[in-house]
């Protein structure tokens, strides 16, 4: 089969890796692995990582094919993960997701953050990449246009407000460590699970 490919994933893999590199360790769960490109790249850069891909059922064959093609021993076969359903019953050192919150509806985003809070061990890290608004305002004209396009296609989707995400994360036991400016008006948000 032809491997799934996203040009945007190819373009942003290096800058995302640089932003999350200080926090990458142990066992990583990627929520919404899409084409699997980020998983393969990060796992190839850090062979000591164990990277678990996940996505909705329809995307699993493409991810599995990409993982099989690369032959990396630290990349596990993808697992099905619907954020509204059951989550893996184990603790991860890190959970990572990219370009997912603006595609999910609000209920899914809230469920995702709650699930991450339950999946992370104490001191574990949650990294989120994508566009966000601040105080209800877009950070650029291009983000405003992007949000309009998203909502025209699916009224439940759209760029999420940072303050709302931060409140959900706080409720899930997470503390914000970094808010990193990224190219193309995106951000990488880094949270850490509070230790008791």
Foldseek 3Di string as FASTA:
>chain_A
DDADDDPVCVVCLVVVCVVCVVQAAEEEEEEACQRVSNVLVNCVVPVRYQYEYEEAPVRQVNNQVVCVVSVRPSYDRYDYDQLVDDDDPEAGQEYEYEPDQQLAFPVSLLSNLLNNLNRHDAFHKYKYKFAAAEPPHGPDPVLVVVQVVSCVVPVRGGHYHPVVSCVSNVVSQWDWDDWAQDPPRMTMTMITHHDD
